[in-house]
Amino acid sequence: MENNFSQEYLIERCPVQHTLQFIGGKWRIGILWSMKDGCRRFGELKKDVLGISEKMLIQELRHLEGADIIHRNAYATIPPKVEYSLTERGLSLIPVLMDIVAWGYSDMKKKGFSGS
């Protein structure tokens, strides 16, 4: 039997799919984890999220901002200064991310990997 549910349908009815729209994908957890302790500038995020391209970081930041997970604060200075921070909604994801990171460290230890 084939499921032909739209993504919108799943996001509105399935808590797993609803959550994955915010933390799913290759980069979002890293971006959010980088902001867990406060505001981050674009360059800091680029350094923290290893391997992400500038284009992809911009796309992900726009997505997270549109979803009210992060706030973008642009200062009218020369050169321009932009800071990103978690909104209240974004901060509510941190305990979830902490559990994911804890599980990752535990599993890495079981497999004999060393984490940083």
Protein backbone atom coordinates (compact mmCIF):
# COMPACT_ATOMS: atom_id res chain seq x y z
CA MET A 1 0.00 0.00 0.00
CA GLU A 2 1.39 3.38 -0.98
CA ASN A 3 1.11 6.53 1.16
CA ASN A 4 0.35 9.59 -0.92
CA PHE A 5 0.21 12.16 1.85
CA SER A 6 1.50 15.63 1.10
CA GLN A 7 4.33 17.03 3.18
CA GLU A 8 1.97 19.73 4.48
CA TYR A 9 -0.53 17.07 5.57
CA LEU A 10 2.20 15.16 7.45
CA ILE A 11 3.62 18.28 9.11
CA GLU A 12 0.17 19.22 10.40
CA ARG A 13 -0.67 15.74 11.72
CA CYS A 14 2.57 13.98 12.65
CA PRO A 15 4.70 15.36 15.52
CA VAL A 16 7.85 13.72 14.14
CA GLN A 17 7.42 15.32 10.71
CA HIS A 18 6.47 18.61 12.34
CA THR A 19 9.70 18.62 14.39
CA LEU A 20 11.89 17.49 11.49
CA GLN A 21 10.97 20.57 9.48
CA PHE A 22 13.03 22.53 12.03
CA ILE A 23 15.89 20.16 12.86
CA GLY A 24 15.95 17.87 9.83
CA GLY A 25 18.55 17.99 7.12
CA LYS A 26 22.30 18.03 7.21
CA TRP A 27 22.91 21.50 8.68
CA ARG A 28 20.11 22.72 10.94
CA ILE A 29 21.09 20.94 14.14
CA GLY A 30 24.62 22.31 13.84
CA ILE A 31 23.36 25.84 13.23
CA LEU A 32 20.98 25.73 16.18
CA TRP A 33 23.58 24.09 18.43
CA SER A 34 26.01 26.90 17.61
CA MET A 35 23.44 29.45 18.83
CA LYS A 36 22.52 27.64 22.05
CA ASP A 37 24.68 29.92 24.21
CA GLY A 38 23.76 33.23 22.60
CA CYS A 39 24.01 35.45 19.54
CA ARG A 40 26.25 34.42 16.68
CA ARG A 41 27.46 36.36 13.68
CA PHE A 42 27.45 34.88 10.19
CA GLY A 43 31.20 34.25 10.17
CA GLU A 44 31.05 32.51 13.53
CA LEU A 45 28.27 30.23 12.31
CA LYS A 46 30.27 29.45 9.15
CA LYS A 47 33.25 28.40 11.30
CA ASP A 48 31.11 26.41 13.77
CA VAL A 49 29.17 24.41 11.18
CA LEU A 50 31.97 22.50 9.50
CA GLY A 51 31.62 21.98 5.77
CA ILE A 52 28.64 24.26 5.15
CA SER A 53 28.87 26.56 2.15
CA GLU A 54 28.01 30.23 2.41
CA LYS A 55 25.06 29.73 0.07
CA MET A 56 23.66 26.84 2.13
CA LEU A 57 24.13 28.72 5.41
CA ILE A 58 22.20 31.68 4.00
CA GLN A 59 19.38 29.37 2.83
CA GLU A 60 19.16 27.57 6.17
CA LEU A 61 19.23 30.83 8.16
CA ARG A 62 16.40 32.20 6.02
CA HIS A 63 14.38 29.03 6.53
CA LEU A 64 14.88 29.08 10.31
CA GLU A 65 14.08 32.79 10.47
CA GLY A 66 10.89 32.26 8.45
CA ALA A 67 9.89 29.46 10.83
CA ASP A 68 10.38 31.76 13.86
CA ILE A 69 13.20 29.58 15.19
CA ILE A 70 15.88 32.26 14.95
CA HIS A 71 15.91 36.04 14.96
CA ARG A 72 18.08 38.11 12.61
CA ASN A 73 19.21 41.46 13.98
CA ALA A 74 20.84 43.74 11.38
CA TYR A 75 22.68 46.79 12.65
CA ALA A 76 22.95 49.93 10.50
CA THR A 77 26.73 50.15 10.68
CA ILE A 78 29.56 50.21 8.20
CA PRO A 79 30.57 47.51 7.64
CA PRO A 80 27.15 45.91 8.16
CA LYS A 81 26.78 43.81 11.28
CA VAL A 82 24.21 41.01 11.54
CA GLU A 83 23.62 38.78 14.55
CA TYR A 84 21.48 35.68 14.78
CA SER A 85 19.91 34.36 17.95
CA LEU A 86 17.34 31.78 18.96
CA THR A 87 13.77 32.91 19.49
CA GLU A 88 11.74 31.55 22.39
CA ARG A 89 10.51 28.86 20.01
CA GLY A 90 14.09 28.08 19.00
CA LEU A 91 15.23 27.93 22.62
CA SER A 92 12.54 25.33 23.28
CA LEU A 93 14.38 23.01 20.86
CA ILE A 94 17.63 23.04 22.89
CA PRO A 95 16.59 20.22 25.28
CA VAL A 96 15.79 18.09 22.22
CA LEU A 97 19.19 18.87 20.72
CA MET A 98 20.91 18.13 24.03
CA ASP A 99 19.31 14.67 24.03
CA ILE A 100 20.46 14.08 20.43
CA VAL A 101 24.02 15.13 21.30
CA ALA A 102 24.04 12.95 24.45
CA TRP A 103 22.84 9.97 22.44
CA GLY A 104 25.52 10.66 19.82
CA TYR A 105 28.31 10.73 22.41
CA SER A 106 27.00 7.54 24.02
CA ASP A 107 26.80 5.71 20.71
CA MET A 108 30.24 6.96 19.63
CA LYS A 109 31.72 5.67 22.89
CA LYS A 110 30.11 2.25 22.32
CA LYS A 111 31.62 2.14 18.84
CA GLY A 112 35.05 3.21 20.11
CA PHE A 113 35.02 6.63 18.46
CA SER A 114 36.29 9.73 20.21
CA GLY A 115 34.10 12.83 20.20
CA SER A 116 35.20 16.40 20.72
